[in-house]
N, C-alpha and C. Protein backbone atom coordinates (compact mmCIF):
# COMPACT_ATOMS: atom_id res chain seq x y z
N MET A 1 52.62 6.82 63.84
CA MET A 1 52.55 7.86 62.84
C MET A 1 51.15 8.46 62.84
N TRP A 2 51.07 9.78 62.83
CA TRP A 2 49.80 10.50 62.80
C TRP A 2 49.36 10.71 61.36
N THR A 3 48.06 10.59 61.13
CA THR A 3 47.49 10.70 59.80
C THR A 3 46.36 11.72 59.80
N VAL A 4 46.36 12.59 58.79
CA VAL A 4 45.27 13.54 58.63
C VAL A 4 44.05 12.79 58.11
N ILE A 5 42.94 12.91 58.84
CA ILE A 5 41.73 12.21 58.39
C ILE A 5 40.63 13.16 57.96
N TYR A 6 40.78 14.45 58.32
CA TYR A 6 39.74 15.40 57.97
C TYR A 6 40.31 16.81 58.10
N ILE A 7 39.81 17.72 57.27
CA ILE A 7 40.17 19.14 57.39
C ILE A 7 38.90 19.90 57.71
N ALA A 8 38.85 20.42 58.92
CA ALA A 8 37.69 21.19 59.38
C ALA A 8 37.82 22.63 58.91
N ALA A 9 36.72 23.22 58.51
CA ALA A 9 36.73 24.57 57.97
C ALA A 9 37.00 25.64 59.02
N ASN A 10 36.72 25.32 60.29
CA ASN A 10 36.93 26.32 61.34
C ASN A 10 37.23 25.63 62.67
N ARG A 11 37.64 26.44 63.64
CA ARG A 11 38.03 25.93 64.96
C ARG A 11 36.86 25.27 65.69
N LYS A 12 35.68 25.87 65.58
CA LYS A 12 34.51 25.33 66.27
C LYS A 12 34.21 23.90 65.83
N LEU A 13 34.23 23.66 64.54
CA LEU A 13 33.98 22.31 64.02
C LEU A 13 35.10 21.36 64.42
N ALA A 14 36.34 21.83 64.35
CA ALA A 14 37.49 21.00 64.72
C ALA A 14 37.38 20.55 66.17
N LEU A 15 37.02 21.47 67.06
CA LEU A 15 36.89 21.13 68.48
C LEU A 15 35.73 20.18 68.73
N ARG A 16 34.64 20.36 67.99
CA ARG A 16 33.49 19.45 68.13
C ARG A 16 33.87 18.02 67.73
N LEU A 17 34.57 17.90 66.60
CA LEU A 17 34.97 16.57 66.14
C LEU A 17 36.04 15.96 67.05
N GLU A 18 36.94 16.80 67.55
CA GLU A 18 37.95 16.32 68.50
C GLU A 18 37.27 15.74 69.73
N GLN A 19 36.27 16.44 70.25
CA GLN A 19 35.55 15.97 71.44
C GLN A 19 34.87 14.63 71.16
N ARG A 20 34.24 14.53 70.02
CA ARG A 20 33.53 13.28 69.65
C ARG A 20 34.50 12.11 69.55
N LEU A 21 35.63 12.33 68.90
CA LEU A 21 36.63 11.26 68.76
C LEU A 21 37.21 10.87 70.11
N THR A 22 37.47 11.85 70.94
CA THR A 22 38.03 11.58 72.27
C THR A 22 37.04 10.77 73.11
N GLN A 23 35.77 11.09 73.00
CA GLN A 23 34.74 10.33 73.73
C GLN A 23 34.73 8.86 73.31
N GLU A 24 35.11 8.61 72.07
CA GLU A 24 35.14 7.24 71.55
C GLU A 24 36.48 6.55 71.80
N GLY A 25 37.38 7.24 72.51
CA GLY A 25 38.66 6.63 72.88
C GLY A 25 39.76 6.79 71.84
N ILE A 26 39.59 7.71 70.90
CA ILE A 26 40.59 7.94 69.85
C ILE A 26 41.47 9.12 70.27
N MET A 27 42.78 8.94 70.15
CA MET A 27 43.70 10.05 70.39
C MET A 27 43.63 11.00 69.20
N VAL A 28 43.63 12.32 69.47
CA VAL A 28 43.45 13.31 68.42
C VAL A 28 44.43 14.46 68.59
N ASN A 29 44.96 14.95 67.48
CA ASN A 29 45.73 16.19 67.44
C ASN A 29 45.06 17.11 66.44
N LEU A 30 45.02 18.40 66.76
CA LEU A 30 44.53 19.41 65.82
C LEU A 30 45.72 20.24 65.39
N ARG A 31 45.77 20.55 64.10
CA ARG A 31 46.86 21.38 63.58
C ARG A 31 46.28 22.46 62.68
N PRO A 32 46.48 23.74 63.05
CA PRO A 32 45.95 24.82 62.22
C PRO A 32 46.65 24.86 60.87
N ILE A 33 45.89 25.24 59.85
CA ILE A 33 46.43 25.38 58.51
C ILE A 33 46.51 26.87 58.22
N GLY A 34 47.64 27.35 57.78
CA GLY A 34 47.82 28.77 57.51
C GLY A 34 48.54 29.44 58.66
N THR A 35 48.50 30.76 58.68
CA THR A 35 49.19 31.50 59.72
C THR A 35 48.20 32.35 60.50
N ALA A 36 48.19 32.16 61.80
CA ALA A 36 47.27 32.90 62.65
C ALA A 36 47.62 34.38 62.70
N GLN A 37 48.91 34.71 62.58
CA GLN A 37 49.33 36.10 62.66
C GLN A 37 48.73 36.92 61.52
N ALA A 38 48.67 36.35 60.36
CA ALA A 38 48.13 37.07 59.21
C ALA A 38 46.60 36.99 59.17
N GLY A 39 46.04 36.16 60.05
CA GLY A 39 44.59 36.04 60.09
C GLY A 39 44.01 35.24 58.94
N ASP A 40 44.84 34.44 58.31
CA ASP A 40 44.36 33.69 57.15
C ASP A 40 44.38 32.18 57.38
N LEU A 41 43.84 31.76 58.53
CA LEU A 41 43.73 30.33 58.77
C LEU A 41 42.76 29.71 57.77
N ALA A 42 43.19 28.62 57.17
CA ALA A 42 42.37 27.96 56.17
C ALA A 42 41.63 26.77 56.77
N GLY A 43 41.71 26.59 58.06
CA GLY A 43 41.03 25.48 58.71
C GLY A 43 41.97 24.75 59.65
N TYR A 44 41.55 23.56 60.04
CA TYR A 44 42.31 22.75 60.97
C TYR A 44 42.37 21.31 60.47
N GLU A 45 43.57 20.75 60.47
CA GLU A 45 43.72 19.33 60.16
C GLU A 45 43.42 18.54 61.43
N ILE A 46 42.68 17.47 61.28
CA ILE A 46 42.42 16.56 62.39
C ILE A 46 43.26 15.32 62.13
N LEU A 47 44.15 15.05 63.07
CA LEU A 47 45.07 13.93 62.94
C LEU A 47 44.80 12.88 64.01
N VAL A 48 44.93 11.62 63.62
CA VAL A 48 44.79 10.50 64.55
C VAL A 48 45.90 9.50 64.24
N PRO A 49 46.19 8.60 65.18
CA PRO A 49 47.17 7.56 64.88
C PRO A 49 46.71 6.74 63.67
N GLU A 50 47.65 6.38 62.83
CA GLU A 50 47.34 5.65 61.60
C GLU A 50 46.51 4.40 61.87
N SER A 51 46.80 3.73 62.98
CA SER A 51 46.08 2.49 63.31
C SER A 51 44.61 2.72 63.65
N GLU A 52 44.23 3.97 63.95
CA GLU A 52 42.85 4.28 64.31
C GLU A 52 42.12 5.09 63.23
N ALA A 53 42.75 5.29 62.09
CA ALA A 53 42.21 6.17 61.06
C ALA A 53 40.86 5.68 60.51
N GLU A 54 40.73 4.40 60.25
CA GLU A 54 39.48 3.89 59.69
C GLU A 54 38.31 4.08 60.65
N GLU A 55 38.53 3.74 61.91
CA GLU A 55 37.48 3.91 62.91
C GLU A 55 37.14 5.40 63.09
N ALA A 56 38.16 6.25 63.10
CA ALA A 56 37.95 7.68 63.26
C ALA A 56 37.15 8.25 62.09
N ASN A 57 37.42 7.79 60.88
CA ASN A 57 36.66 8.24 59.71
C ASN A 57 35.18 7.90 59.85
N GLU A 58 34.89 6.71 60.34
CA GLU A 58 33.50 6.30 60.54
C GLU A 58 32.81 7.19 61.58
N ILE A 59 33.52 7.49 62.67
CA ILE A 59 32.98 8.35 63.72
C ILE A 59 32.69 9.74 63.18
N ILE A 60 33.63 10.29 62.41
CA ILE A 60 33.44 11.62 61.85
C ILE A 60 32.27 11.63 60.86
N SER A 61 32.17 10.62 60.03
CA SER A 61 31.06 10.55 59.08
C SER A 61 29.72 10.56 59.81
N THR A 62 29.63 9.80 60.87
CA THR A 62 28.41 9.77 61.66
C THR A 62 28.15 11.13 62.31
N ALA A 63 29.18 11.74 62.85
CA ALA A 63 29.03 13.03 63.55
C ALA A 63 28.58 14.13 62.58
N LEU A 64 29.05 14.08 61.36
CA LEU A 64 28.72 15.13 60.39
C LEU A 64 27.32 14.98 59.80
N THR A 65 26.78 13.77 59.86
CA THR A 65 25.44 13.56 59.30
C THR A 65 24.35 13.64 60.36
N SER A 66 24.75 13.77 61.62
CA SER A 66 23.71 13.84 62.68
C SER A 66 23.50 15.27 63.15
């Protein structure tokens, strides 16, 4: 089961965090929030397997403070 662990405000941040998690061996899915056609994307959900959520949260916390 995939779990949302973070909502990134934009695509650039979502891709940066995805790259960081992938480097650490975590599987990641990104899911846009809103509708791209209307141009009103509200960000991106970052999802990881439930079993890796705690580790992924720690990685994201470190990435956001550095």
